[in-house]
Amino acid sequence: MELRIPAPDADLLAERLTDGLPDAEFAIPGQIVADIGQLRPRRQNVDGSISLFIEALTIAE
């Protein structure tokens, strides 16, 4: 998925969202998150926003 974080605090919010992401635990009914991480480096957009590209491998329970 692609998440676009608006300015002015995009850097701070992107860091908070991705810090420890691979070790995070998720509660998604009927799903197990087997793996999650950034698909590619975040992108700084011309409007000051940041795009994060996150990929998750989920398994149905």
C-alpha atoms as a PDB file:
ATOM      1  CA  MET A   1       0.000   0.000   0.000  1.00  0.00           C
ATOM      2  CA  GLU A   2       1.080   3.567  -0.495  1.00  0.00           C
ATOM      3  CA  LEU A   3       0.563   6.036   2.326  1.00  0.00           C
ATOM      4  CA  ARG A   4       0.955   9.734   1.645  1.00  0.00           C
ATOM      5  CA  ILE A   5       1.707  11.844   4.714  1.00  0.00           C
ATOM      6  CA  PRO A   6       1.031  15.575   4.329  1.00  0.00           C
ATOM      7  CA  ALA A   7       3.442  18.327   5.343  1.00  0.00           C
ATOM      8  CA  PRO A   8       4.496  20.036   7.577  1.00  0.00           C
ATOM      9  CA  ASP A   9       5.312  17.136   9.942  1.00  0.00           C
ATOM     10  CA  ALA A  10       5.690  14.454   7.275  1.00  0.00           C
ATOM     11  CA  ASP A  11       9.264  13.482   8.244  1.00  0.00           C
ATOM     12  CA  LEU A  12       8.396  13.023  11.909  1.00  0.00           C
ATOM     13  CA  LEU A  13       5.207  11.089  11.203  1.00  0.00           C
ATOM     14  CA  ALA A  14       6.870   8.842   8.608  1.00  0.00           C
ATOM     15  CA  GLU A  15       9.624   7.997  11.073  1.00  0.00           C
ATOM     16  CA  ARG A  16       7.102   7.195  13.799  1.00  0.00           C
ATOM     17  CA  LEU A  17       5.080   4.973  11.460  1.00  0.00           C
ATOM     18  CA  THR A  18       8.055   2.950  10.229  1.00  0.00           C
ATOM     19  CA  ASP A  19      10.188   2.746  13.382  1.00  0.00           C
ATOM     20  CA  GLY A  20       9.987  -0.869  14.520  1.00  0.00           C
ATOM     21  CA  LEU A  21       7.499  -1.805  11.801  1.00  0.00           C
ATOM     22  CA  PRO A  22       8.961  -5.299  11.153  1.00  0.00           C
ATOM     23  CA  ASP A  23       8.601  -6.147  14.868  1.00  0.00           C
ATOM     24  CA  ALA A  24       5.114  -4.687  15.325  1.00  0.00           C
ATOM     25  CA  GLU A  25       2.160  -6.890  16.242  1.00  0.00           C
ATOM     26  CA  PHE A  26      -1.200  -6.458  14.557  1.00  0.00           C
ATOM     27  CA  ALA A  27      -4.710  -7.493  15.561  1.00  0.00           C
ATOM     28  CA  ILE A  28      -6.587  -8.074  12.303  1.00  0.00           C
ATOM     29  CA  PRO A  29      -9.598 -10.371  12.701  1.00  0.00           C
ATOM     30  CA  GLY A  30      -9.158 -13.558  10.675  1.00  0.00           C
ATOM     31  CA  GLN A  31      -5.618 -12.668   9.541  1.00  0.00           C
ATOM     32  CA  ILE A  32      -2.064 -13.246  10.699  1.00  0.00           C
ATOM     33  CA  VAL A  33       0.532 -10.701   9.578  1.00  0.00           C
ATOM     34  CA  ALA A  34       3.480 -12.934   8.695  1.00  0.00           C
ATOM     35  CA  ASP A  35       5.758 -10.147   7.439  1.00  0.00           C
ATOM     36  CA  ILE A  36       5.583  -6.391   6.966  1.00  0.00           C
ATOM     37  CA  GLY A  37       8.071  -3.757   5.848  1.00  0.00           C
ATOM     38  CA  GLN A  38       8.849  -0.942   3.467  1.00  0.00           C
ATOM     39  CA  LEU A  39       8.746  -2.080  -0.126  1.00  0.00           C
ATOM     40  CA  ARG A  40      11.105   0.699  -1.212  1.00  0.00           C
ATOM     41  CA  PRO A  41      12.535   3.884   0.314  1.00  0.00           C
ATOM     42  CA  ARG A  42      10.120   6.664   1.159  1.00  0.00           C
ATOM     43  CA  ARG A  43       9.697   9.412  -1.418  1.00  0.00           C
ATOM     44  CA  GLN A  44       9.736  13.157  -0.745  1.00  0.00           C
ATOM     45  CA  ASN A  45       7.063  14.806  -2.907  1.00  0.00           C
ATOM     46  CA  VAL A  46       7.217  18.347  -4.304  1.00  0.00           C
ATOM     47  CA  ASP A  47       4.404  19.515  -1.996  1.00  0.00           C
ATOM     48  CA  GLY A  48       6.412  18.516   1.091  1.00  0.00           C
ATOM     49  CA  SER A  49       4.469  15.322   1.689  1.00  0.00           C
ATOM     50  CA  ILE A  50       6.138  11.926   1.985  1.00  0.00           C
ATOM     51  CA  SER A  51       4.984   8.697   0.344  1.00  0.00           C
ATOM     52  CA  LEU A  52       5.606   5.419   2.175  1.00  0.00           C
ATOM     53  CA  PHE A  53       5.401   2.119   0.326  1.00  0.00           C
ATOM     54  CA  ILE A  54       4.523  -0.701   2.725  1.00  0.00           C
ATOM     55  CA  GLU A  55       4.020  -4.345   1.874  1.00  0.00           C
ATOM     56  CA  ALA A  56       2.464  -6.928   4.180  1.00  0.00           C
ATOM     57  CA  LEU A  57       2.200 -10.683   3.848  1.00  0.00           C
ATOM     58  CA  THR A  58      -0.977 -11.876   5.546  1.00  0.00           C
ATOM     59  CA  ILE A  59      -2.307 -15.380   6.064  1.00  0.00           C
ATOM     60  CA  ALA A  60      -5.962 -16.219   6.674  1.00  0.00           C
ATOM     61  CA  GLU A  61      -6.497 -18.026   9.970  1.00  0.00           C
END
